[in-house]
Amino acid sequence: TQPSLHTANPCQSVCYLHTVSITQVTMGEGEPAPAATPPAIKIFISGNSGSKEISNAQHRITMILKSLAIVMEVVDISAPGVEEQRDFMRAGAKKKEGQRFALPPQLFNGEKYCGDYDDFDVAN
């Protein structure tokens, strides 16, 4: 069985995170084909957040996904040179009432928005 995260309410628009099995395929001459990489879950974080709540949420998400062996890509939106990624996160993520921008952590499955920490916590 593949590990997955399920929501208590199936009507919620939260991504179901899952792992993908990869089998090795050989291509002529006995050479293995390059391994297909499953689409990674993107987690947008802030490496220099002054908020203990944000830091704890980021850490909890990464630890849970690691324990389930789910492929993930962590994007630190506070790092230099990732302005496009930060803008992508802000455009696709939901912001909470009173926030100017959506704050990390935010989760995407490829280009599809999955939710923030609260959505992840409910799905877990």
PDB file of N, CA and C in Angstrom:
ATOM      1  N   THR A   1       0.836  -1.187   0.000  1.00  0.00           N
ATOM      2  CA  THR A   1       0.000   0.000   0.000  1.00  0.00           C
ATOM      3  C   THR A   1       0.876   1.243   0.000  1.00  0.00           C
ATOM      4  N   GLN A   2       0.413   2.225  -0.737  1.00  0.00           N
ATOM      5  CA  GLN A   2       1.146   3.476  -0.799  1.00  0.00           C
ATOM      6  C   GLN A   2       0.637   4.397   0.296  1.00  0.00           C
ATOM      7  N   PRO A   3       1.555   5.099   0.997  1.00  0.00           N
ATOM      8  CA  PRO A   3       1.092   6.029   2.013  1.00  0.00           C
ATOM      9  C   PRO A   3       0.373   7.193   1.359  1.00  0.00           C
ATOM     10  N   SER A   4      -0.687   7.661   1.990  1.00  0.00           N
ATOM     11  CA  SER A   4      -1.381   8.828   1.460  1.00  0.00           C
ATOM     12  C   SER A   4      -1.969   9.618   2.608  1.00  0.00           C
ATOM     13  N   LEU A   5      -2.289  10.862   2.309  1.00  0.00           N
ATOM     14  CA  LEU A   5      -2.908  11.733   3.291  1.00  0.00           C
ATOM     15  C   LEU A   5      -4.335  11.963   2.836  1.00  0.00           C
ATOM     16  N   HIS A   6      -5.288  11.751   3.702  1.00  0.00           N
ATOM     17  CA  HIS A   6      -6.690  11.890   3.331  1.00  0.00           C
ATOM     18  C   HIS A   6      -7.354  12.965   4.169  1.00  0.00           C
ATOM     19  N   THR A   7      -8.297  13.642   3.568  1.00  0.00           N
ATOM     20  CA  THR A   7      -9.036  14.653   4.300  1.00  0.00           C
ATOM     21  C   THR A   7     -10.239  14.013   4.959  1.00  0.00           C
ATOM     22  N   ALA A   8     -10.659  14.603   6.061  1.00  0.00           N
ATOM     23  CA  ALA A   8     -11.862  14.125   6.730  1.00  0.00           C
ATOM     24  C   ALA A   8     -13.082  14.447   5.879  1.00  0.00           C
ATOM     25  N   ASN A   9     -13.014  15.523   5.120  1.00  0.00           N
ATOM     26  CA  ASN A   9     -14.104  15.957   4.264  1.00  0.00           C
ATOM     27  C   ASN A   9     -13.659  15.839   2.817  1.00  0.00           C
ATOM     28  N   PRO A  10     -14.163  14.861   2.047  1.00  0.00           N
ATOM     29  CA  PRO A  10     -13.698  14.661   0.679  1.00  0.00           C
ATOM     30  C   PRO A  10     -14.035  15.816  -0.251  1.00  0.00           C
ATOM     31  N   CYS A  11     -14.891  16.734   0.171  1.00  0.00           N
ATOM     32  CA  CYS A  11     -15.252  17.866  -0.669  1.00  0.00           C
ATOM     33  C   CYS A  11     -14.198  18.965  -0.640  1.00  0.00           C
ATOM     34  N   GLN A  12     -13.267  18.899   0.308  1.00  0.00           N
ATOM     35  CA  GLN A  12     -12.230  19.906   0.372  1.00  0.00           C
ATOM     36  C   GLN A  12     -11.319  19.771  -0.826  1.00  0.00           C
ATOM     37  N   SER A  13     -10.813  20.904  -1.304  1.00  0.00           N
ATOM     38  CA  SER A  13      -9.916  20.857  -2.463  1.00  0.00           C
ATOM     39  C   SER A  13      -8.473  20.822  -1.996  1.00  0.00           C
ATOM     40  N   VAL A  14      -8.137  19.740  -1.314  1.00  0.00           N
ATOM     41  CA  VAL A  14      -6.770  19.533  -0.838  1.00  0.00           C
ATOM     42  C   VAL A  14      -6.176  18.406  -1.657  1.00  0.00           C
ATOM     43  N   CYS A  15      -4.943  18.543  -2.084  1.00  0.00           N
ATOM     44  CA  CYS A  15      -4.291  17.499  -2.876  1.00  0.00           C
ATOM     45  C   CYS A  15      -4.085  16.263  -2.021  1.00  0.00           C
ATOM     46  N   TYR A  16      -4.248  15.142  -2.624  1.00  0.00           N
ATOM     47  CA  TYR A  16      -3.890  13.902  -1.960  1.00  0.00           C
ATOM     48  C   TYR A  16      -2.458  13.602  -2.373  1.00  0.00           C
ATOM     49  N   LEU A  17      -1.563  13.600  -1.408  1.00  0.00           N
ATOM     50  CA  LEU A  17      -0.150  13.394  -1.671  1.00  0.00           C
ATOM     51  C   LEU A  17       0.117  11.900  -1.666  1.00  0.00           C
ATOM     52  N   HIS A  18       0.903  11.457  -2.601  1.00  0.00           N
ATOM     53  CA  HIS A  18       1.199  10.045  -2.657  1.00  0.00           C
ATOM     54  C   HIS A  18       2.555   9.811  -3.293  1.00  0.00           C
ATOM     55  N   THR A  19       3.078   8.631  -3.075  1.00  0.00           N
ATOM     56  CA  THR A  19       4.339   8.261  -3.691  1.00  0.00           C
ATOM     57  C   THR A  19       4.054   7.483  -4.958  1.00  0.00           C
ATOM     58  N   VAL A  20       5.029   7.452  -5.836  1.00  0.00           N
ATOM     59  CA  VAL A  20       4.879   6.771  -7.108  1.00  0.00           C
ATOM     60  C   VAL A  20       5.954   5.695  -7.200  1.00  0.00           C
ATOM     61  N   SER A  21       5.558   4.489  -7.552  1.00  0.00           N
ATOM     62  CA  SER A  21       6.529   3.417  -7.745  1.00  0.00           C
ATOM     63  C   SER A  21       7.171   3.594  -9.110  1.00  0.00           C
ATOM     64  N   ILE A  22       8.473   3.366  -9.166  1.00  0.00           N
ATOM     65  CA  ILE A  22       9.195   3.493 -10.424  1.00  0.00           C
ATOM     66  C   ILE A  22       9.828   2.143 -10.730  1.00  0.00           C
ATOM     67  N   THR A  23       9.583   1.638 -11.930  1.00  0.00           N
ATOM     68  CA  THR A  23      10.213   0.393 -12.337  1.00  0.00           C
ATOM     69  C   THR A  23      11.277   0.723 -13.358  1.00  0.00           C
ATOM     70  N   GLN A  24      12.334  -0.045 -13.366  1.00  0.00           N
ATOM     71  CA  GLN A  24      13.430   0.203 -14.294  1.00  0.00           C
ATOM     72  C   GLN A  24      13.089  -0.418 -15.638  1.00  0.00           C
ATOM     73  N   VAL A  25      13.250   0.349 -16.702  1.00  0.00           N
ATOM     74  CA  VAL A  25      12.977  -0.101 -18.054  1.00  0.00           C
ATOM     75  C   VAL A  25      14.311  -0.155 -18.786  1.00  0.00           C
ATOM     76  N   THR A  26      14.511  -1.199 -19.576  1.00  0.00           N
ATOM     77  CA  THR A  26      15.753  -1.258 -20.338  1.00  0.00           C
ATOM     78  C   THR A  26      15.478  -0.844 -21.767  1.00  0.00           C
ATOM     79  N   MET A  27      16.442  -0.161 -22.340  1.00  0.00           N
ATOM     80  CA  MET A  27      16.324   0.301 -23.717  1.00  0.00           C
ATOM     81  C   MET A  27      17.473  -0.325 -24.493  1.00  0.00           C
ATOM     82  N   GLY A  28      17.219  -1.012 -25.569  1.00  0.00           N
ATOM     83  CA  GLY A  28      18.236  -1.604 -26.429  1.00  0.00           C
ATOM     84  C   GLY A  28      19.620  -1.704 -25.794  1.00  0.00           C
ATOM     85  N   GLU A  29      20.455  -2.524 -26.258  1.00  0.00           N
ATOM     86  CA  GLU A  29      21.830  -2.688 -25.803  1.00  0.00           C
ATOM     87  C   GLU A  29      21.925  -2.952 -24.297  1.00  0.00           C
ATOM     88  N   GLY A  30      20.822  -3.272 -23.655  1.00  0.00           N
ATOM     89  CA  GLY A  30      20.855  -3.591 -22.236  1.00  0.00           C
ATOM     90  C   GLY A  30      21.072  -2.396 -21.332  1.00  0.00           C
ATOM     91  N   GLU A  31      20.993  -1.175 -21.879  1.00  0.00           N
ATOM     92  CA  GLU A  31      21.166   0.030 -21.073  1.00  0.00           C
ATOM     93  C   GLU A  31      19.839   0.392 -20.423  1.00  0.00           C
ATOM     94  N   PRO A  32      19.860   0.680 -19.140  1.00  0.00           N
ATOM     95  CA  PRO A  32      18.604   1.083 -18.495  1.00  0.00           C
ATOM     96  C   PRO A  32      18.179   2.472 -18.962  1.00  0.00           C
ATOM     97  N   ALA A  33      16.884   2.644 -19.078  1.00  0.00           N
ATOM     98  CA  ALA A  33      16.341   3.952 -19.433  1.00  0.00           C
ATOM     99  C   ALA A  33      16.521   4.875 -18.241  1.00  0.00           C
ATOM    100  N   PRO A  34      16.637   6.172 -18.479  1.00  0.00           N
ATOM    101  CA  PRO A  34      16.717   7.093 -17.345  1.00  0.00           C
ATOM    102  C   PRO A  34      15.465   6.955 -16.486  1.00  0.00           C
ATOM    103  N   ALA A  35      15.657   6.971 -15.190  1.00  0.00           N
ATOM    104  CA  ALA A  35      14.529   6.810 -14.269  1.00  0.00           C
ATOM    105  C   ALA A  35      13.581   7.991 -14.403  1.00  0.00           C
ATOM    106  N   ALA A  36      12.296   7.686 -14.491  1.00  0.00           N
ATOM    107  CA  ALA A  36      11.292   8.740 -14.541  1.00  0.00           C
ATOM    108  C   ALA A  36      11.178   9.346 -13.143  1.00  0.00           C
ATOM    109  N   THR A  37      11.179  10.650 -13.075  1.00  0.00           N
ATOM    110  CA  THR A  37      11.073  11.325 -11.792  1.00  0.00           C
ATOM    111  C   THR A  37       9.615  11.677 -11.548  1.00  0.00           C
ATOM    112  N   PRO A  38       9.051  11.216 -10.443  1.00  0.00           N
ATOM    113  CA  PRO A  38       7.666  11.575 -10.153  1.00  0.00           C
ATOM    114  C   PRO A  38       7.573  13.067  -9.880  1.00  0.00           C
ATOM    115  N   PRO A  39       6.421  13.665 -10.173  1.00  0.00           N
ATOM    116  CA  PRO A  39       6.287  15.087  -9.900  1.00  0.00           C
ATOM    117  C   PRO A  39       6.458  15.331  -8.400  1.00  0.00           C
ATOM    118  N   ALA A  40       7.278  16.290  -8.094  1.00  0.00           N
ATOM    119  CA  ALA A  40       7.574  16.572  -6.688  1.00  0.00           C
ATOM    120  C   ALA A  40       6.523  17.483  -6.082  1.00  0.00           C
ATOM    121  N   ILE A  41       6.276  17.243  -4.817  1.00  0.00           N
ATOM    122  CA  ILE A  41       5.469  18.160  -4.043  1.00  0.00           C
ATOM    123  C   ILE A  41       6.369  19.355  -3.746  1.00  0.00           C
ATOM    124  N   LYS A  42       5.918  20.543  -4.070  1.00  0.00           N
ATOM    125  CA  LYS A  42       6.703  21.751  -3.788  1.00  0.00           C
ATOM    126  C   LYS A  42       6.208  22.348  -2.484  1.00  0.00           C
ATOM    127  N   ILE A  43       7.144  22.585  -1.591  1.00  0.00           N
ATOM    128  CA  ILE A  43       6.817  23.235  -0.327  1.00  0.00           C
ATOM    129  C   ILE A  43       7.532  24.575  -0.315  1.00  0.00           C
ATOM    130  N   PHE A  44       6.773  25.631  -0.267  1.00  0.00           N
ATOM    131  CA  PHE A  44       7.345  26.967  -0.206  1.00  0.00           C
ATOM    132  C   PHE A  44       7.497  27.347   1.258  1.00  0.00           C
ATOM    133  N   ILE A  45       8.738  27.634   1.643  1.00  0.00           N
ATOM    134  CA  ILE A  45       9.041  27.985   3.031  1.00  0.00           C
ATOM    135  C   ILE A  45       9.766  29.319   3.065  1.00  0.00           C
ATOM    136  N   SER A  46       9.990  29.810   4.265  1.00  0.00           N
ATOM    137  CA  SER A  46      10.828  30.984   4.469  1.00  0.00           C
ATOM    138  C   SER A  46      11.908  30.601   5.464  1.00  0.00           C
ATOM    139  N   GLY A  47      13.141  30.638   5.002  1.00  0.00           N
ATOM    140  CA  GLY A  47      14.272  30.267   5.845  1.00  0.00           C
ATOM    141  C   GLY A  47      14.597  31.274   6.921  1.00  0.00           C
ATOM    142  N   ASN A  48      14.077  32.485   6.796  1.00  0.00           N
ATOM    143  CA  ASN A  48      14.376  33.480   7.820  1.00  0.00           C
ATOM    144  C   ASN A  48      13.104  34.082   8.415  1.00  0.00           C
ATOM    145  N   SER A  49      12.115  33.253   8.582  1.00  0.00           N
ATOM    146  CA  SER A  49      10.871  33.716   9.188  1.00  0.00           C
ATOM    147  C   SER A  49      11.110  34.036  10.661  1.00  0.00           C
ATOM    148  N   GLY A  50      10.612  35.156  11.092  1.00  0.00           N
ATOM    149  CA  GLY A  50      10.728  35.517  12.496  1.00  0.00           C
ATOM    150  C   GLY A  50       9.632  34.894  13.345  1.00  0.00           C
ATOM    151  N   SER A  51       8.731  34.173  12.708  1.00  0.00           N
ATOM    152  CA  SER A  51       7.592  33.582  13.402  1.00  0.00           C
ATOM    153  C   SER A  51       7.893  32.136  13.791  1.00  0.00           C
ATOM    154  N   LYS A  52       7.795  31.858  15.072  1.00  0.00           N
ATOM    155  CA  LYS A  52       7.986  30.489  15.566  1.00  0.00           C
ATOM    156  C   LYS A  52       6.893  29.569  15.022  1.00  0.00           C
ATOM    157  N   GLU A  53       5.692  30.093  14.887  1.00  0.00           N
ATOM    158  CA  GLU A  53       4.570  29.311  14.367  1.00  0.00           C
ATOM    159  C   GLU A  53       4.846  28.858  12.930  1.00  0.00           C
ATOM    160  N   ILE A  54       5.340  29.766  12.084  1.00  0.00           N
ATOM    161  CA  ILE A  54       5.659  29.420  10.699  1.00  0.00           C
ATOM    162  C   ILE A  54       6.799  28.423  10.660  1.00  0.00           C
ATOM    163  N   SER A  55       7.837  28.651  11.443  1.00  0.00           N
ATOM    164  CA  SER A  55       8.986  27.730  11.474  1.00  0.00           C
ATOM    165  C   SER A  55       8.569  26.330  11.898  1.00  0.00           C
ATOM    166  N   ASN A  56       7.739  26.225  12.922  1.00  0.00           N
ATOM    167  CA  ASN A  56       7.262  24.920  13.394  1.00  0.00           C
ATOM    168  C   ASN A  56       6.413  24.219  12.333  1.00  0.00           C
ATOM    169  N   ALA A  57       5.546  24.981  11.659  1.00  0.00           N
ATOM    170  CA  ALA A  57       4.689  24.406  10.622  1.00  0.00           C
ATOM    171  C   ALA A  57       5.535  23.866   9.468  1.00  0.00           C
ATOM    172  N   GLN A  58       6.530  24.640   9.050  1.00  0.00           N
ATOM    173  CA  GLN A  58       7.415  24.210   7.962  1.00  0.00           C
ATOM    174  C   GLN A  58       8.147  22.932   8.335  1.00  0.00           C
ATOM    175  N   HIS A  59       8.662  22.895   9.541  1.00  0.00           N
ATOM    176  CA  HIS A  59       9.407  21.733  10.008  1.00  0.00           C
ATOM    177  C   HIS A  59       8.504  20.495  10.081  1.00  0.00           C
ATOM    178  N   ARG A  60       7.304  20.659  10.595  1.00  0.00           N
ATOM    179  CA  ARG A  60       6.381  19.526  10.736  1.00  0.00           C
ATOM    180  C   ARG A  60       6.008  18.950   9.376  1.00  0.00           C
ATOM    181  N   ILE A  61       5.725  19.811   8.400  1.00  0.00           N
ATOM    182  CA  ILE A  61       5.363  19.329   7.065  1.00  0.00           C
ATOM    183  C   ILE A  61       6.512  18.527   6.460  1.00  0.00           C
ATOM    184  N   THR A  62       7.714  19.072   6.507  1.00  0.00           N
ATOM    185  CA  THR A  62       8.854  18.372   5.895  1.00  0.00           C
ATOM    186  C   THR A  62       9.139  17.051   6.609  1.00  0.00           C
ATOM    187  N   MET A  63       9.022  17.014   7.918  1.00  0.00           N
ATOM    188  CA  MET A  63       9.271  15.769   8.650  1.00  0.00           C
ATOM    189  C   MET A  63       8.236  14.702   8.306  1.00  0.00           C
ATOM    190  N   ILE A  64       6.980  15.068   8.209  1.00  0.00           N
ATOM    191  CA  ILE A  64       5.931  14.098   7.879  1.00  0.00           C
ATOM    192  C   ILE A  64       6.130  13.561   6.466  1.00  0.00           C
ATOM    193  N   LEU A  65       6.394  14.442   5.497  1.00  0.00           N
ATOM    194  CA  LEU A  65       6.583  13.986   4.124  1.00  0.00           C
ATOM    195  C   LEU A  65       7.829  13.110   3.994  1.00  0.00           C
ATOM    196  N   LYS A  66       8.901  13.460   4.711  1.00  0.00           N
ATOM    197  CA  LYS A  66      10.104  12.624   4.697  1.00  0.00           C
ATOM    198  C   LYS A  66       9.798  11.249   5.275  1.00  0.00           C
ATOM    199  N   SER A  67       9.052  11.199   6.358  1.00  0.00           N
ATOM    200  CA  SER A  67       8.746   9.911   6.995  1.00  0.00           C
ATOM    201  C   SER A  67       7.892   9.029   6.094  1.00  0.00           C
ATOM    202  N   LEU A  68       7.128   9.642   5.189  1.00  0.00           N
ATOM    203  CA  LEU A  68       6.294   8.884   4.253  1.00  0.00           C
ATOM    204  C   LEU A  68       7.019   8.626   2.930  1.00  0.00           C
ATOM    205  N   ALA A  69       8.283   9.052   2.856  1.00  0.00           N
ATOM    206  CA  ALA A  69       9.109   8.890   1.642  1.00  0.00           C
ATOM    207  C   ALA A  69       8.469   9.547   0.428  1.00  0.00           C
ATOM    208  N   ILE A  70       7.853  10.691   0.628  1.00  0.00           N
ATOM    209  CA  ILE A  70       7.235  11.439  -0.463  1.00  0.00           C
ATOM    210  C   ILE A  70       8.280  12.402  -1.032  1.00  0.00           C
ATOM    211  N   VAL A  71       8.434  12.361  -2.356  1.00  0.00           N
ATOM    212  CA  VAL A  71       9.395  13.230  -3.024  1.00  0.00           C
ATOM    213  C   VAL A  71       8.908  14.671  -2.894  1.00  0.00           C
ATOM    214  N   MET A  72       9.812  15.548  -2.456  1.00  0.00           N
ATOM    215  CA  MET A  72       9.417  16.944  -2.286  1.00  0.00           C
ATOM    216  C   MET A  72      10.547  17.864  -2.705  1.00  0.00           C
ATOM    217  N   GLU A  73      10.169  19.048  -3.104  1.00  0.00           N
ATOM    218  CA  GLU A  73      11.123  20.099  -3.432  1.00  0.00           C
ATOM    219  C   GLU A  73      10.822  21.267  -2.501  1.00  0.00           C
ATOM    220  N   VAL A  74      11.814  21.655  -1.720  1.00  0.00           N
ATOM    221  CA  VAL A  74      11.636  22.760  -0.788  1.00  0.00           C
ATOM    222  C   VAL A  74      12.168  24.026  -1.449  1.00  0.00           C
ATOM    223  N   VAL A  75      11.328  25.053  -1.522  1.00  0.00           N
ATOM    224  CA  VAL A  75      11.702  26.328  -2.128  1.00  0.00           C
ATOM    225  C   VAL A  75      11.684  27.390  -1.036  1.00  0.00           C
ATOM    226  N   ASP A  76      12.855  27.946  -0.747  1.00  0.00           N
ATOM    227  CA  ASP A  76      12.968  29.005   0.250  1.00  0.00           C
ATOM    228  C   ASP A  76      12.733  30.345  -0.438  1.00  0.00           C
ATOM    229  N   ILE A  77      11.558  30.930  -0.227  1.00  0.00           N
ATOM    230  CA  ILE A  77      11.205  32.162  -0.924  1.00  0.00           C
ATOM    231  C   ILE A  77      11.973  33.377  -0.413  1.00  0.00           C
ATOM    232  N   SER A  78      12.718  33.210   0.685  1.00  0.00           N
ATOM    233  CA  SER A  78      13.508  34.325   1.199  1.00  0.00           C
ATOM    234  C   SER A  78      14.914  34.346   0.603  1.00  0.00           C
ATOM    235  N   ALA A  79      15.273  33.314  -0.142  1.00  0.00           N
ATOM    236  CA  ALA A  79      16.610  33.227  -0.744  1.00  0.00           C
ATOM    237  C   ALA A  79      16.694  34.150  -1.960  1.00  0.00           C
ATOM    238  N   PRO A  80      17.887  34.684  -2.229  1.00  0.00           N
ATOM    239  CA  PRO A  80      18.037  35.531  -3.417  1.00  0.00           C
ATOM    240  C   PRO A  80      17.897  34.704  -4.693  1.00  0.00           C
ATOM    241  N   GLY A  81      17.326  35.321  -5.726  1.00  0.00           N
ATOM    242  CA  GLY A  81      17.204  34.664  -7.026  1.00  0.00           C
ATOM    243  C   GLY A  81      15.986  33.795  -7.211  1.00  0.00           C
ATOM    244  N   VAL A  82      15.072  33.783  -6.270  1.00  0.00           N
ATOM    245  CA  VAL A  82      13.876  32.946  -6.414  1.00  0.00           C
ATOM    246  C   VAL A  82      12.602  33.802  -6.485  1.00  0.00           C
ATOM    247  N   GLU A  83      12.754  34.990  -7.018  1.00  0.00           N
ATOM    248  CA  GLU A  83      11.613  35.905  -7.103  1.00  0.00           C
ATOM    249  C   GLU A  83      10.470  35.320  -7.924  1.00  0.00           C
ATOM    250  N   GLU A  84      10.811  34.630  -9.044  1.00  0.00           N
ATOM    251  CA  GLU A  84       9.769  34.020  -9.874  1.00  0.00           C
ATOM    252  C   GLU A  84       8.999  32.966  -9.095  1.00  0.00           C
ATOM    253  N   GLN A  85       9.704  32.147  -8.321  1.00  0.00           N
ATOM    254  CA  GLN A  85       9.056  31.115  -7.511  1.00  0.00           C
ATOM    255  C   GLN A  85       8.170  31.748  -6.435  1.00  0.00           C
ATOM    256  N   ARG A  86       8.675  32.819  -5.813  1.00  0.00           N
ATOM    257  CA  ARG A  86       7.890  33.509  -4.786  1.00  0.00           C
ATOM    258  C   ARG A  86       6.614  34.085  -5.393  1.00  0.00           C
ATOM    259  N   ASP A  87       6.746  34.700  -6.585  1.00  0.00           N
ATOM    260  CA  ASP A  87       5.568  35.262  -7.249  1.00  0.00           C
ATOM    261  C   ASP A  87       4.576  34.168  -7.633  1.00  0.00           C
ATOM    262  N   PHE A  88       5.100  33.004  -8.074  1.00  0.00           N
ATOM    263  CA  PHE A  88       4.244  31.861  -8.399  1.00  0.00           C
ATOM    264  C   PHE A  88       3.458  31.426  -7.166  1.00  0.00           C
ATOM    265  N   MET A  89       4.155  31.324  -6.027  1.00  0.00           N
ATOM    266  CA  MET A  89       3.493  30.918  -4.788  1.00  0.00           C
ATOM    267  C   MET A  89       2.416  31.930  -4.403  1.00  0.00           C
ATOM    268  N   ARG A  90       2.758  33.194  -4.446  1.00  0.00           N
ATOM    269  CA  ARG A  90       1.794  34.223  -4.047  1.00  0.00           C
ATOM    270  C   ARG A  90       0.581  34.263  -4.961  1.00  0.00           C
ATOM    271  N   ALA A  91       0.788  34.040  -6.259  1.00  0.00           N
ATOM    272  CA  ALA A  91      -0.320  34.079  -7.213  1.00  0.00           C
ATOM    273  C   ALA A  91      -1.249  32.875  -7.053  1.00  0.00           C
ATOM    274  N   GLY A  92      -0.691  31.711  -6.715  1.00  0.00           N
ATOM    275  CA  GLY A  92      -1.497  30.500  -6.661  1.00  0.00           C
ATOM    276  C   GLY A  92      -2.034  30.135  -5.295  1.00  0.00           C
ATOM    277  N   ALA A  93      -1.428  30.653  -4.241  1.00  0.00           N
ATOM    278  CA  ALA A  93      -1.811  30.265  -2.879  1.00  0.00           C
ATOM    279  C   ALA A  93      -2.903  31.182  -2.330  1.00  0.00           C
ATOM    280  N   LYS A  94      -3.591  30.657  -1.334  1.00  0.00           N
ATOM    281  CA  LYS A  94      -4.627  31.481  -0.697  1.00  0.00           C
ATOM    282  C   LYS A  94      -4.006  32.244   0.468  1.00  0.00           C
ATOM    283  N   LYS A  95      -4.452  33.475   0.628  1.00  0.00           N
ATOM    284  CA  LYS A  95      -3.986  34.244   1.776  1.00  0.00           C
ATOM    285  C   LYS A  95      -5.108  34.287   2.799  1.00  0.00           C
ATOM    286  N   LYS A  96      -4.695  34.371   4.030  1.00  0.00           N
ATOM    287  CA  LYS A  96      -5.672  34.440   5.109  1.00  0.00           C
ATOM    288  C   LYS A  96      -6.145  35.878   5.263  1.00  0.00           C
ATOM    289  N   GLU A  97      -7.291  36.003   5.884  1.00  0.00           N
ATOM    290  CA  GLU A  97      -7.864  37.330   6.087  1.00  0.00           C
ATOM    291  C   GLU A  97      -6.887  38.216   6.849  1.00  0.00           C
ATOM    292  N   GLY A  98      -6.688  39.420   6.337  1.00  0.00           N
ATOM    293  CA  GLY A  98      -5.795  40.373   6.981  1.00  0.00           C
ATOM    294  C   GLY A  98      -4.354  40.287   6.501  1.00  0.00           C
ATOM    295  N   GLN A  99      -4.036  39.301   5.666  1.00  0.00           N
ATOM    296  CA  GLN A  99      -2.681  39.171   5.136  1.00  0.00           C
ATOM    297  C   GLN A  99      -2.589  39.842   3.774  1.00  0.00           C
ATOM    298  N   ARG A 100      -1.457  40.488   3.541  1.00  0.00           N
ATOM    299  CA  ARG A 100      -1.227  41.109   2.245  1.00  0.00           C
ATOM    300  C   ARG A 100      -0.895  40.047   1.198  1.00  0.00           C
ATOM    301  N   PHE A 101      -0.097  39.052   1.597  1.00  0.00           N
ATOM    302  CA  PHE A 101       0.301  37.942   0.733  1.00  0.00           C
ATOM    303  C   PHE A 101       0.084  36.637   1.482  1.00  0.00           C
ATOM    304  N   ALA A 102       0.022  35.559   0.707  1.00  0.00           N
ATOM    305  CA  ALA A 102      -0.012  34.230   1.324  1.00  0.00           C
ATOM    306  C   ALA A 102       1.345  33.974   1.959  1.00  0.00           C
ATOM    307  N   LEU A 103       1.340  33.498   3.190  1.00  0.00           N
ATOM    308  CA  LEU A 103       2.581  33.238   3.910  1.00  0.00           C
ATOM    309  C   LEU A 103       2.926  31.761   3.871  1.00  0.00           C
ATOM    310  N   PRO A 104       4.217  31.450   3.908  1.00  0.00           N
ATOM    311  CA  PRO A 104       4.626  30.050   3.956  1.00  0.00           C
ATOM    312  C   PRO A 104       4.230  29.414   5.283  1.00  0.00           C
ATOM    313  N   PRO A 105       4.174  28.111   5.328  1.00  0.00           N
ATOM    314  CA  PRO A 105       4.397  27.163   4.245  1.00  0.00           C
ATOM    315  C   PRO A 105       3.165  27.012   3.360  1.00  0.00           C
ATOM    316  N   GLN A 106       3.413  26.835   2.061  1.00  0.00           N
ATOM    317  CA  GLN A 106       2.369  26.580   1.077  1.00  0.00           C
ATOM    318  C   GLN A 106       2.787  25.347   0.292  1.00  0.00           C
ATOM    319  N   LEU A 107       1.826  24.508  -0.059  1.00  0.00           N
ATOM    320  CA  LEU A 107       2.116  23.254  -0.763  1.00  0.00           C
ATOM    321  C   LEU A 107       1.477  23.233  -2.145  1.00  0.00           C
ATOM    322  N   PHE A 108       2.252  22.752  -3.114  1.00  0.00           N
ATOM    323  CA  PHE A 108       1.789  22.574  -4.477  1.00  0.00           C
ATOM    324  C   PHE A 108       2.180  21.182  -4.927  1.00  0.00           C
ATOM    325  N   ASN A 109       1.367  20.579  -5.759  1.00  0.00           N
ATOM    326  CA  ASN A 109       1.692  19.320  -6.422  1.00  0.00           C
ATOM    327  C   ASN A 109       1.895  19.687  -7.879  1.00  0.00           C
ATOM    328  N   GLY A 110       3.154  19.884  -8.271  1.00  0.00           N
ATOM    329  CA  GLY A 110       3.447  20.427  -9.594  1.00  0.00           C
ATOM    330  C   GLY A 110       2.942  21.866  -9.636  1.00  0.00           C
ATOM    331  N   GLU A 111       2.013  22.146 -10.534  1.00  0.00           N
ATOM    332  CA  GLU A 111       1.442  23.491 -10.666  1.00  0.00           C
ATOM    333  C   GLU A 111       0.143  23.644  -9.869  1.00  0.00           C
ATOM    334  N   LYS A 112      -0.356  22.540  -9.316  1.00  0.00           N
ATOM    335  CA  LYS A 112      -1.653  22.560  -8.635  1.00  0.00           C
ATOM    336  C   LYS A 112      -1.488  22.917  -7.157  1.00  0.00           C
ATOM    337  N   TYR A 113      -2.226  23.917  -6.725  1.00  0.00           N
ATOM    338  CA  TYR A 113      -2.182  24.348  -5.329  1.00  0.00           C
ATOM    339  C   TYR A 113      -2.865  23.323  -4.448  1.00  0.00           C
ATOM    340  N   CYS A 114      -2.194  22.919  -3.370  1.00  0.00           N
ATOM    341  CA  CYS A 114      -2.752  21.921  -2.450  1.00  0.00           C
ATOM    342  C   CYS A 114      -3.249  22.545  -1.159  1.00  0.00           C
ATOM    343  N   GLY A 115      -2.594  23.584  -0.677  1.00  0.00           N
ATOM    344  CA  GLY A 115      -3.050  24.213   0.547  1.00  0.00           C
ATOM    345  C   GLY A 115      -1.911  24.740   1.390  1.00  0.00           C
ATOM    346  N   ASP A 116      -2.290  25.266   2.547  1.00  0.00           N
ATOM    347  CA  ASP A 116      -1.316  25.789   3.495  1.00  0.00           C
ATOM    348  C   ASP A 116      -1.156  24.784   4.643  1.00  0.00           C
ATOM    349  N   TYR A 117      -0.527  25.204   5.710  1.00  0.00           N
ATOM    350  CA  TYR A 117      -0.303  24.288   6.827  1.00  0.00           C
ATOM    351  C   TYR A 117      -1.610  23.769   7.411  1.00  0.00           C
ATOM    352  N   ASP A 118      -2.597  24.638   7.565  1.00  0.00           N
ATOM    353  CA  ASP A 118      -3.875  24.211   8.145  1.00  0.00           C
ATOM    354  C   ASP A 118      -4.519  23.121   7.294  1.00  0.00           C
ATOM    355  N   ASP A 119      -4.480  23.274   5.966  1.00  0.00           N
ATOM    356  CA  ASP A 119      -5.048  22.263   5.063  1.00  0.00           C
ATOM    357  C   ASP A 119      -4.266  20.945   5.206  1.00  0.00           C
ATOM    358  N   PHE A 120      -2.951  21.048   5.294  1.00  0.00           N
ATOM    359  CA  PHE A 120      -2.103  19.859   5.454  1.00  0.00           C
ATOM    360  C   PHE A 120      -2.432  19.160   6.767  1.00  0.00           C
ATOM    361  N   ASP A 121      -2.574  19.917   7.826  1.00  0.00           N
ATOM    362  CA  ASP A 121      -2.858  19.358   9.146  1.00  0.00           C
ATOM    363  C   ASP A 121      -4.202  18.624   9.141  1.00  0.00           C
ATOM    364  N   VAL A 122      -5.203  19.191   8.495  1.00  0.00           N
ATOM    365  CA  VAL A 122      -6.521  18.548   8.412  1.00  0.00           C
ATOM    366  C   VAL A 122      -6.405  17.259   7.595  1.00  0.00           C
ATOM    367  N   ALA A 123      -5.642  17.293   6.496  1.00  0.00           N
ATOM    368  CA  ALA A 123      -5.498  16.115   5.630  1.00  0.00           C
ATOM    369  C   ALA A 123      -4.699  15.014   6.301  1.00  0.00           C
ATOM    370  N   ASN A 124      -3.839  15.390   7.225  1.00  0.00           N
ATOM    371  CA  ASN A 124      -2.999  14.416   7.902  1.00  0.00           C
ATOM    372  C   ASN A 124      -3.787  13.813   9.030  1.00  0.00           C
TER     373      ASN A 124
END
